[in-house]
C-alpha atoms as a PDB file:
ATOM      1  CA  MET A   1       0.000   0.000   0.000  1.00  0.00           C
ATOM      2  CA  ASP A   2       1.296   3.429  -0.964  1.00  0.00           C
ATOM      3  CA  TYR A   3      -0.330   6.295   0.951  1.00  0.00           C
ATOM      4  CA  GLN A   4       1.070   9.802   0.536  1.00  0.00           C
ATOM      5  CA  VAL A   5       0.074  13.196   1.952  1.00  0.00           C
ATOM      6  CA  HIS A   6       0.727  16.364  -0.045  1.00  0.00           C
ATOM      7  CA  PRO A   7       0.470  20.015   1.084  1.00  0.00           C
ATOM      8  CA  PRO A   8      -1.878  22.385  -0.757  1.00  0.00           C
ATOM      9  CA  SER A   9      -0.647  25.343  -2.753  1.00  0.00           C
ATOM     10  CA  PRO A  10      -0.386  28.654  -0.832  1.00  0.00           C
ATOM     11  CA  ASP A  11      -3.540  29.895  -2.576  1.00  0.00           C
ATOM     12  CA  LEU A  12      -5.539  27.028  -1.047  1.00  0.00           C
ATOM     13  CA  GLN A  13      -3.951  26.770   2.400  1.00  0.00           C
ATOM     14  CA  TYR A  14      -6.905  28.426   4.135  1.00  0.00           C
ATOM     15  CA  PHE A  15      -9.340  25.984   2.546  1.00  0.00           C
ATOM     16  CA  VAL A  16      -7.531  22.663   2.101  1.00  0.00           C
ATOM     17  CA  LYS A  17      -5.888  20.743   4.943  1.00  0.00           C
ATOM     18  CA  CYS A  18      -4.006  18.424   2.608  1.00  0.00           C
ATOM     19  CA  PHE A  19      -4.184  16.311  -0.510  1.00  0.00           C
ATOM     20  CA  TRP A  20      -3.689  12.586  -0.194  1.00  0.00           C
ATOM     21  CA  THR A  21      -3.212   9.697  -2.567  1.00  0.00           C
ATOM     22  CA  LEU A  22      -3.600   5.964  -2.122  1.00  0.00           C
ATOM     23  CA  GLU A  23      -2.567   3.093  -4.365  1.00  0.00           C
ATOM     24  CA  ASP A  24      -2.958  -0.561  -3.450  1.00  0.00           C
ATOM     25  CA  GLU A  25      -3.174  -3.793  -5.383  1.00  0.00           C
ATOM     26  CA  ALA A  26      -6.351  -5.841  -5.500  1.00  0.00           C
ATOM     27  CA  ARG A  27      -6.566  -8.448  -2.761  1.00  0.00           C
ATOM     28  CA  GLY A  28      -8.774 -11.419  -1.993  1.00  0.00           C
ATOM     29  CA  GLU A  29     -11.700 -11.005   0.358  1.00  0.00           C
ATOM     30  CA  VAL A  30     -11.490  -7.591   2.037  1.00  0.00           C
ATOM     31  CA  LEU A  31     -13.386  -6.948   5.250  1.00  0.00           C
ATOM     32  CA  PRO A  32     -15.209  -3.611   5.641  1.00  0.00           C
ATOM     33  CA  GLN A  33     -13.113  -0.939   7.320  1.00  0.00           C
ATOM     34  CA  ARG A  34     -14.560   1.757   9.567  1.00  0.00           C
ATOM     35  CA  VAL A  35     -13.960   5.428   8.915  1.00  0.00           C
ATOM     36  CA  VAL A  36     -14.799   7.695  11.834  1.00  0.00           C
ATOM     37  CA  PRO A  37     -15.615  11.423  11.986  1.00  0.00           C
ATOM     38  CA  ASP A  38     -12.745  13.898  11.835  1.00  0.00           C
ATOM     39  CA  GLY A  39     -14.610  17.159  11.148  1.00  0.00           C
ATOM     40  CA  CYS A  40     -13.280  17.425   7.593  1.00  0.00           C
ATOM     41  CA  MET A  41     -15.182  17.018   4.327  1.00  0.00           C
ATOM     42  CA  GLU A  42     -13.421  15.616   1.270  1.00  0.00           C
ATOM     43  CA  LEU A  43     -13.366  15.650  -2.511  1.00  0.00           C
ATOM     44  CA  ILE A  44     -12.425  12.141  -3.675  1.00  0.00           C
ATOM     45  CA  ILE A  45     -11.691  10.781  -7.140  1.00  0.00           C
ATOM     46  CA  HIS A  46     -11.163   7.075  -7.811  1.00  0.00           C
ATOM     47  CA  TYR A  47      -8.893   6.512 -10.814  1.00  0.00           C
ATOM     48  CA  GLY A  48      -8.665   2.864  -9.815  1.00  0.00           C
ATOM     49  CA  ASP A  49     -11.535   0.519  -9.070  1.00  0.00           C
ATOM     50  CA  LEU A  50     -14.496   1.906  -7.159  1.00  0.00           C
ATOM     51  CA  TYR A  51     -15.251   1.421  -3.470  1.00  0.00           C
ATOM     52  CA  GLN A  52     -18.320  -0.115  -1.913  1.00  0.00           C
ATOM     53  CA  GLN A  53     -20.028   1.400   1.097  1.00  0.00           C
ATOM     54  CA  PHE A  54     -22.039  -0.570   3.647  1.00  0.00           C
ATOM     55  CA  LEU A  55     -25.109   1.334   4.820  1.00  0.00           C
ATOM     56  CA  PRO A  56     -26.627   0.922   8.314  1.00  0.00           C
ATOM     57  CA  ASP A  57     -29.700  -0.858   6.894  1.00  0.00           C
ATOM     58  CA  GLY A  58     -27.510  -3.578   5.354  1.00  0.00           C
ATOM     59  CA  THR A  59     -27.574  -2.160   1.823  1.00  0.00           C
ATOM     60  CA  ILE A  60     -24.309  -2.147  -0.117  1.00  0.00           C
ATOM     61  CA  ILE A  61     -23.794   0.676  -2.616  1.00  0.00           C
ATOM     62  CA  ILE A  62     -20.968   1.523  -4.991  1.00  0.00           C
ATOM     63  CA  GLN A  63     -19.576   4.991  -4.450  1.00  0.00           C
ATOM     64  CA  PRO A  64     -19.357   7.350  -7.453  1.00  0.00           C
ATOM     65  CA  ARG A  65     -16.051   7.678  -9.270  1.00  0.00           C
ATOM     66  CA  SER A  66     -15.731  11.295  -8.147  1.00  0.00           C
ATOM     67  CA  PHE A  67     -17.657  12.790  -5.253  1.00  0.00           C
ATOM     68  CA  ILE A  68     -17.795  15.028  -2.226  1.00  0.00           C
ATOM     69  CA  PHE A  69     -18.219  13.250   1.099  1.00  0.00           C
ATOM     70  CA  GLY A  70     -19.864  15.550   3.628  1.00  0.00           C
ATOM     71  CA  GLN A  71     -19.524  15.570   7.379  1.00  0.00           C
ATOM     72  CA  ILE A  72     -19.525  12.136   8.980  1.00  0.00           C
ATOM     73  CA  THR A  73     -21.489  12.213  12.224  1.00  0.00           C
ATOM     74  CA  SER A  74     -20.992   8.516  12.958  1.00  0.00           C
ATOM     75  CA  TYR A  75     -18.760   5.839  11.465  1.00  0.00           C
ATOM     76  CA  ILE A  76     -19.104   4.573   7.906  1.00  0.00           C
ATOM     77  CA  GLU A  77     -17.863   1.261   6.508  1.00  0.00           C
ATOM     78  CA  ILE A  78     -16.151   0.949   3.128  1.00  0.00           C
ATOM     79  CA  ALA A  79     -14.097  -1.590   1.202  1.00  0.00           C
ATOM     80  CA  PRO A  80     -12.315  -1.656  -2.177  1.00  0.00           C
ATOM     81  CA  THR A  81     -13.763  -3.706  -5.028  1.00  0.00           C
ATOM     82  CA  GLY A  82     -10.372  -4.221  -6.661  1.00  0.00           C
ATOM     83  CA  ARG A  83      -7.228  -2.147  -7.187  1.00  0.00           C
ATOM     84  CA  SER A  84      -7.208   1.118  -5.246  1.00  0.00           C
ATOM     85  CA  GLY A  85      -6.215   4.344  -6.957  1.00  0.00           C
ATOM     86  CA  ILE A  86      -7.429   7.435  -5.092  1.00  0.00           C
ATOM     87  CA  VAL A  87      -6.591  11.128  -5.117  1.00  0.00           C
ATOM     88  CA  ALA A  88      -8.385  13.346  -2.631  1.00  0.00           C
ATOM     89  CA  SER A  89      -8.568  16.813  -1.156  1.00  0.00           C
ATOM     90  CA  ARG A  90      -9.222  16.949   2.576  1.00  0.00           C
ATOM     91  CA  PHE A  91     -10.715  20.321   3.463  1.00  0.00           C
ATOM     92  CA  LEU A  92     -10.351  22.235   6.684  1.00  0.00           C
ATOM     93  CA  PRO A  93     -13.635  22.095   8.639  1.00  0.00           C
ATOM     94  CA  GLU A  94     -14.590  25.568   7.393  1.00  0.00           C
ATOM     95  CA  GLY A  95     -12.853  25.262   4.018  1.00  0.00           C
ATOM     96  CA  LEU A  96     -15.377  23.575   1.715  1.00  0.00           C
ATOM     97  CA  ALA A  97     -18.456  25.796   2.149  1.00  0.00           C
ATOM     98  CA  PRO A  98     -17.005  28.775   0.211  1.00  0.00           C
ATOM     99  CA  LEU A  99     -16.569  26.525  -2.842  1.00  0.00           C
ATOM    100  CA  LEU A 100     -20.073  25.045  -2.805  1.00  0.00           C
ATOM    101  CA  ASN A 101     -23.335  26.075  -4.398  1.00  0.00           C
ATOM    102  CA  VAL A 102     -25.328  23.634  -2.232  1.00  0.00           C
ATOM    103  CA  PRO A 103     -25.881  23.568   1.566  1.00  0.00           C
ATOM    104  CA  VAL A 104     -23.275  21.506   3.427  1.00  0.00           C
ATOM    105  CA  ALA A 105     -26.134  19.855   5.338  1.00  0.00           C
ATOM    106  CA  SER A 106     -27.254  18.184   2.088  1.00  0.00           C
ATOM    107  CA  LEU A 107     -23.951  16.258   1.999  1.00  0.00           C
ATOM    108  CA  GLU A 108     -24.045  14.835   5.524  1.00  0.00           C
ATOM    109  CA  ASN A 109     -23.000  11.174   5.739  1.00  0.00           C
ATOM    110  CA  LYS A 110     -23.183  10.820   1.938  1.00  0.00           C
ATOM    111  CA  ALA A 111     -20.952  10.496  -1.082  1.00  0.00           C
ATOM    112  CA  VAL A 112     -22.552  12.951  -3.518  1.00  0.00           C
ATOM    113  CA  ALA A 113     -21.373  12.685  -7.115  1.00  0.00           C
ATOM    114  CA  LEU A 114     -19.228  15.656  -8.093  1.00  0.00           C
ATOM    115  CA  VAL A 115     -21.226  16.188 -11.265  1.00  0.00           C
ATOM    116  CA  GLU A 116     -24.405  16.680  -9.193  1.00  0.00           C
ATOM    117  CA  ILE A 117     -22.750  19.638  -7.477  1.00  0.00           C
ATOM    118  CA  PHE A 118     -20.589  21.220 -10.171  1.00  0.00           C
ATOM    119  CA  GLY A 119     -22.080  19.891 -13.412  1.00  0.00           C
ATOM    120  CA  ALA A 120     -20.013  19.692 -16.617  1.00  0.00           C
ATOM    121  CA  LYS A 121     -16.936  21.202 -14.956  1.00  0.00           C
ATOM    122  CA  ALA A 122     -16.829  18.219 -12.586  1.00  0.00           C
ATOM    123  CA  GLN A 123     -16.968  15.747 -15.465  1.00  0.00           C
ATOM    124  CA  ALA A 124     -14.097  17.578 -17.164  1.00  0.00           C
ATOM    125  CA  LEU A 125     -12.058  17.335 -13.947  1.00  0.00           C
ATOM    126  CA  GLU A 126     -12.770  13.627 -13.605  1.00  0.00           C
ATOM    127  CA  ASP A 127     -11.702  12.995 -17.213  1.00  0.00           C
ATOM    128  CA  LYS A 128      -8.434  14.878 -16.684  1.00  0.00           C
ATOM    129  CA  VAL A 129      -7.630  12.955 -13.492  1.00  0.00           C
ATOM    130  CA  LEU A 130      -8.343   9.614 -15.172  1.00  0.00           C
ATOM    131  CA  MET A 131      -6.015  10.464 -18.067  1.00  0.00           C
ATOM    132  CA  ALA A 132      -3.206  11.849 -15.857  1.00  0.00           C
ATOM    133  CA  SER A 133       0.055   9.942 -15.700  1.00  0.00           C
ATOM    134  CA  SER A 134       1.282  11.017 -12.242  1.00  0.00           C
ATOM    135  CA  GLN A 135       0.023  11.992  -8.809  1.00  0.00           C
ATOM    136  CA  SER A 136       1.423  15.500  -9.177  1.00  0.00           C
ATOM    137  CA  GLU A 137      -0.659  15.954 -12.328  1.00  0.00           C
ATOM    138  CA  ARG A 138      -3.787  14.648 -10.627  1.00  0.00           C
ATOM    139  CA  ILE A 139      -3.335  16.967  -7.661  1.00  0.00           C
ATOM    140  CA  GLN A 140      -2.642  19.944  -9.916  1.00  0.00           C
ATOM    141  CA  PHE A 141      -5.850  19.334 -11.859  1.00  0.00           C
ATOM    142  CA  ILE A 142      -7.844  19.300  -8.614  1.00  0.00           C
ATOM    143  CA  GLN A 143      -6.089  22.430  -7.332  1.00  0.00           C
ATOM    144  CA  ASP A 144      -6.847  24.278 -10.570  1.00  0.00           C
ATOM    145  CA  PHE A 145     -10.485  23.205 -10.300  1.00  0.00           C
ATOM    146  CA  LEU A 146     -10.785  24.392  -6.696  1.00  0.00           C
ATOM    147  CA  LEU A 147      -9.139  27.728  -7.475  1.00  0.00           C
ATOM    148  CA  GLU A 148     -11.635  28.238 -10.272  1.00  0.00           C
ATOM    149  CA  GLN A 149     -14.483  27.725  -7.801  1.00  0.00           C
ATOM    150  CA  LEU A 150     -12.898  30.218  -5.398  1.00  0.00           C
ATOM    151  CA  CYS A 151     -12.839  32.885  -8.097  1.00  0.00           C
ATOM    152  CA  GLU A 152     -16.593  32.533  -8.409  1.00  0.00           C
ATOM    153  CA  GLN A 153     -17.502  32.123  -4.748  1.00  0.00           C
ATOM    154  CA  ARG A 154     -16.835  33.590  -1.331  1.00  0.00           C
ATOM    155  CA  SER A 155     -14.118  33.775   1.291  1.00  0.00           C
ATOM    156  CA  ILE A 156     -13.724  32.054   4.655  1.00  0.00           C
ATOM    157  CA  ASP A 157     -15.943  33.346   7.462  1.00  0.00           C
ATOM    158  CA  SER A 158     -13.493  34.858   9.958  1.00  0.00           C
ATOM    159  CA  ILE A 159     -15.493  34.143  13.132  1.00  0.00           C
ATOM    160  CA  THR A 160     -16.006  30.500  12.177  1.00  0.00           C
ATOM    161  CA  LYS A 161     -12.326  30.101  11.322  1.00  0.00           C
ATOM    162  CA  SER A 162     -11.270  31.609  14.663  1.00  0.00           C
ATOM    163  CA  CYS A 163     -13.611  29.232  16.502  1.00  0.00           C
ATOM    164  CA  VAL A 164     -12.320  26.207  14.603  1.00  0.00           C
ATOM    165  CA  ASP A 165      -8.717  27.237  15.311  1.00  0.00           C
ATOM    166  CA  ALA A 166      -9.505  27.534  19.030  1.00  0.00           C
ATOM    167  CA  ILE A 167     -11.210  24.126  19.083  1.00  0.00           C
ATOM    168  CA  VAL A 168      -8.310  22.450  17.286  1.00  0.00           C
ATOM    169  CA  GLN A 169      -5.660  24.134  19.437  1.00  0.00           C
ATOM    170  CA  SER A 170      -7.448  23.019  22.606  1.00  0.00           C
ATOM    171  CA  GLN A 171      -7.885  19.508  21.144  1.00  0.00           C
ATOM    172  CA  GLY A 172     -11.614  19.846  21.604  1.00  0.00           C
ATOM    173  CA  GLN A 173     -11.427  20.843  25.256  1.00  0.00           C
ATOM    174  CA  ILE A 174     -12.635  24.452  25.057  1.00  0.00           C
ATOM    175  CA  GLY A 175     -16.089  25.223  26.439  1.00  0.00           C
ATOM    176  CA  MET A 176     -18.739  27.198  24.583  1.00  0.00           C
ATOM    177  CA  THR A 177     -18.537  30.170  26.977  1.00  0.00           C
ATOM    178  CA  ASP A 178     -14.783  30.507  26.513  1.00  0.00           C
ATOM    179  CA  LEU A 179     -15.129  30.047  22.759  1.00  0.00           C
ATOM    180  CA  ALA A 180     -17.714  32.843  22.465  1.00  0.00           C
ATOM    181  CA  GLY A 181     -15.547  35.098  24.603  1.00  0.00           C
ATOM    182  CA  GLN A 182     -12.464  34.531  22.456  1.00  0.00           C
ATOM    183  CA  VAL A 183     -14.227  35.607  19.257  1.00  0.00           C
ATOM    184  CA  ASN A 184     -16.410  38.282  20.894  1.00  0.00           C
ATOM    185  CA  SER A 185     -19.628  36.757  19.648  1.00  0.00           C
ATOM    186  CA  ASN A 186     -22.627  35.002  21.163  1.00  0.00           C
ATOM    187  CA  ARG A 187     -23.458  31.315  21.294  1.00  0.00           C
ATOM    188  CA  ARG A 188     -26.444  31.353  18.960  1.00  0.00           C
ATOM    189  CA  ARG A 189     -24.619  33.271  16.252  1.00  0.00           C
ATOM    190  CA  ILE A 190     -21.658  30.875  16.399  1.00  0.00           C
ATOM    191  CA  GLU A 191     -23.922  27.821  16.285  1.00  0.00           C
ATOM    192  CA  ARG A 192     -25.818  29.171  13.264  1.00  0.00           C
ATOM    193  CA  ARG A 193     -22.581  29.789  11.399  1.00  0.00           C
ATOM    194  CA  PHE A 194     -21.221  26.348  12.256  1.00  0.00           C
ATOM    195  CA  ASN A 195     -24.358  24.599  11.063  1.00  0.00           C
ATOM    196  CA  THR A 196     -24.278  26.533   7.783  1.00  0.00           C
ATOM    197  CA  ILE A 197     -20.538  26.418   7.088  1.00  0.00           C
ATOM    198  CA  ILE A 198     -19.290  23.236   8.769  1.00  0.00           C
ATOM    199  CA  GLY A 199     -22.388  21.083   8.983  1.00  0.00           C
ATOM    200  CA  MET A 200     -22.089  20.377  12.703  1.00  0.00           C
ATOM    201  CA  SER A 201     -22.336  22.373  15.918  1.00  0.00           C
ATOM    202  CA  PRO A 202     -19.293  23.647  17.852  1.00  0.00           C
ATOM    203  CA  LYS A 203     -19.968  20.991  20.492  1.00  0.00           C
ATOM    204  CA  GLN A 204     -20.061  18.231  17.868  1.00  0.00           C
ATOM    205  CA  LEU A 205     -16.825  19.436  16.273  1.00  0.00           C
ATOM    206  CA  SER A 206     -15.170  19.643  19.697  1.00  0.00           C
ATOM    207  CA  ARG A 207     -16.163  16.050  20.455  1.00  0.00           C
ATOM    208  CA  VAL A 208     -14.794  14.883  17.111  1.00  0.00           C
ATOM    209  CA  VAL A 209     -11.515  16.773  17.550  1.00  0.00           C
ATOM    210  CA  ARG A 210     -11.143  15.368  21.062  1.00  0.00           C
ATOM    211  CA  LEU A 211     -11.846  11.864  19.765  1.00  0.00           C
ATOM    212  CA  GLN A 212      -9.177  12.210  17.073  1.00  0.00           C
ATOM    213  CA  ALA A 213      -6.612  13.464  19.603  1.00  0.00           C
ATOM    214  CA  THR A 214      -7.413  10.548  21.904  1.00  0.00           C
ATOM    215  CA  MET A 215      -7.265   8.025  19.061  1.00  0.00           C
ATOM    216  CA  LYS A 216      -3.823   9.310  18.112  1.00  0.00           C
ATOM    217  CA  MET A 217      -2.586   8.739  21.656  1.00  0.00           C
ATOM    218  CA  LEU A 218      -4.157   5.268  21.639  1.00  0.00           C
ATOM    219  CA  GLU A 219      -2.562   4.362  18.329  1.00  0.00           C
ATOM    220  CA  GLN A 220       0.866   5.572  19.467  1.00  0.00           C
ATOM    221  CA  LYS A 221       0.409   4.011  22.910  1.00  0.00           C
ATOM    222  CA  HIS A 222       1.091   7.357  24.653  1.00  0.00           C
ATOM    223  CA  PHE A 223      -0.819   6.490  27.830  1.00  0.00           C
ATOM    224  CA  SER A 224      -0.458   4.321  30.929  1.00  0.00           C
ATOM    225  CA  ASN A 225      -4.118   3.289  31.300  1.00  0.00           C
ATOM    226  CA  LEU A 226      -7.529   4.226  29.931  1.00  0.00           C
ATOM    227  CA  THR A 227      -8.470   6.303  32.967  1.00  0.00           C
ATOM    228  CA  THR A 228      -5.386   8.500  32.604  1.00  0.00           C
ATOM    229  CA  LEU A 229      -5.959   8.742  28.853  1.00  0.00           C
ATOM    230  CA  ALA A 230      -9.566   9.816  29.406  1.00  0.00           C
ATOM    231  CA  LEU A 231      -8.700  12.499  31.953  1.00  0.00           C
ATOM    232  CA  GLU A 232      -5.863  13.917  29.849  1.00  0.00           C
ATOM    233  CA  ASN A 233      -8.260  14.376  26.958  1.00  0.00           C
ATOM    234  CA  GLY A 234     -10.990  16.110  28.915  1.00  0.00           C
ATOM    235  CA  TYR A 235     -13.359  13.208  29.581  1.00  0.00           C
ATOM    236  CA  TYR A 236     -14.939  12.938  33.019  1.00  0.00           C
ATOM    237  CA  ASP A 237     -13.693   9.386  33.479  1.00  0.00           C
ATOM    238  CA  GLN A 238     -12.986   6.147  31.624  1.00  0.00           C
ATOM    239  CA  ALA A 239     -16.691   5.331  31.272  1.00  0.00           C
ATOM    240  CA  HIS A 240     -17.375   8.717  29.641  1.00  0.00           C
ATOM    241  CA  PHE A 241     -14.550   8.143  27.163  1.00  0.00           C
ATOM    242  CA  ILE A 242     -15.699   4.633  26.216  1.00  0.00           C
ATOM    243  CA  LYS A 243     -19.302   5.836  25.798  1.00  0.00           C
ATOM    244  CA  ASP A 244     -18.166   8.648  23.464  1.00  0.00           C
ATOM    245  CA  PHE A 245     -15.847   6.304  21.574  1.00  0.00           C
ATOM    246  CA  ARG A 246     -18.596   3.753  21.009  1.00  0.00           C
ATOM    247  CA  GLU A 247     -20.998   6.443  19.817  1.00  0.00           C
ATOM    248  CA  PHE A 248     -18.604   7.508  17.046  1.00  0.00           C
ATOM    249  CA  THR A 249     -17.078   4.130  16.153  1.00  0.00           C
ATOM    250  CA  GLY A 250     -19.709   1.563  17.161  1.00  0.00           C
ATOM    251  CA  VAL A 251     -17.190  -0.508  19.135  1.00  0.00           C
ATOM    252  CA  THR A 252     -14.837  -0.326  22.123  1.00  0.00           C
ATOM    253  CA  PRO A 253     -11.310   1.134  21.701  1.00  0.00           C
ATOM    254  CA  GLY A 254      -9.748  -2.328  21.861  1.00  0.00           C
ATOM    255  CA  SER A 255     -12.043  -3.768  19.199  1.00  0.00           C
ATOM    256  CA  PHE A 256     -11.605  -0.783  16.898  1.00  0.00           C
ATOM    257  CA  PHE A 257      -7.826  -0.800  16.859  1.00  0.00           C
ATOM    258  CA  ALA A 258      -7.703  -4.572  16.521  1.00  0.00           C
ATOM    259  CA  GLY A 259      -9.308  -4.464  13.088  1.00  0.00           C
ATOM    260  CA  ASN A 260      -9.421  -0.926  11.734  1.00  0.00           C
ATOM    261  CA  LEU A 261      -5.951   0.549  11.980  1.00  0.00           C
ATOM    262  CA  GLN A 262      -5.428   0.393   8.214  1.00  0.00           C
ATOM    263  CA  PHE A 263      -8.164   2.819   7.215  1.00  0.00           C
ATOM    264  CA  ALA A 264      -8.392   4.585  10.582  1.00  0.00           C
ATOM    265  CA  ALA A 265      -4.911   5.921   9.948  1.00  0.00           C
ATOM    266  CA  LEU A 266      -5.568   6.873   6.313  1.00  0.00           C
ATOM    267  CA  PHE A 267      -9.008   8.478   6.456  1.00  0.00           C
ATOM    268  CA  ALA A 268      -8.405  10.643   9.520  1.00  0.00           C
ATOM    269  CA  SER A 269      -7.423  14.243  10.054  1.00  0.00           C
ATOM    270  CA  THR A 270      -3.979  13.592  11.495  1.00  0.00           C
ATOM    271  CA  GLU A 271      -1.853  15.409   8.965  1.00  0.00           C
END
């Protein structure tokens, strides 16, 4: 498996967290892998074989070749159908909304075909990516496409960006009162902006950011026991941490990392 992370161009650094690419050969039977919330929406293009997604009702769907995946509020399960070839743009939590002409809420927990959002321009992008001969070419095509959308759309909302920065810097441990005080705004106004721009409330984003910080410590084994880990990351106690973890992942920490490290590491906002 070849997974690479690439920085965005300076013109996109306030919108895009990173670009990433993944190539992997087709294998035999592949078990579904869980992807958990990280607060970031993504633009994904498969130039290899497509991926299947396992819905909560037991339905299996095939994801589009190119799509936007909106905010994930609980885990999703995916698996390759053959050889993996993926290039993707991972947006900052507040970074995708200025490029869109649809509400971010309409993308929640879904892979929405790029052509449904951007029309013929999206099909042209997909064709270019499929014909490209290198990852640098693929990334450049996506960057050019995103910059074109920026020319036609809006800029980042400064209050929302300041709130997101504060949440990330505190690793999800800042309270709503302190957050409102830092940006000199009120709770309702911040919540309205978050729901419109990010697709989740400040509290939801804080929980997701805290979960990701805790998962990183778990993966790297930077803790002595679960109680200490929970307290260091702002949970009341071990039971609170496990309850939160199960809500987002569907399983206990031990079960998750026993079978999901492969995709948990790739499809997470750790870069």
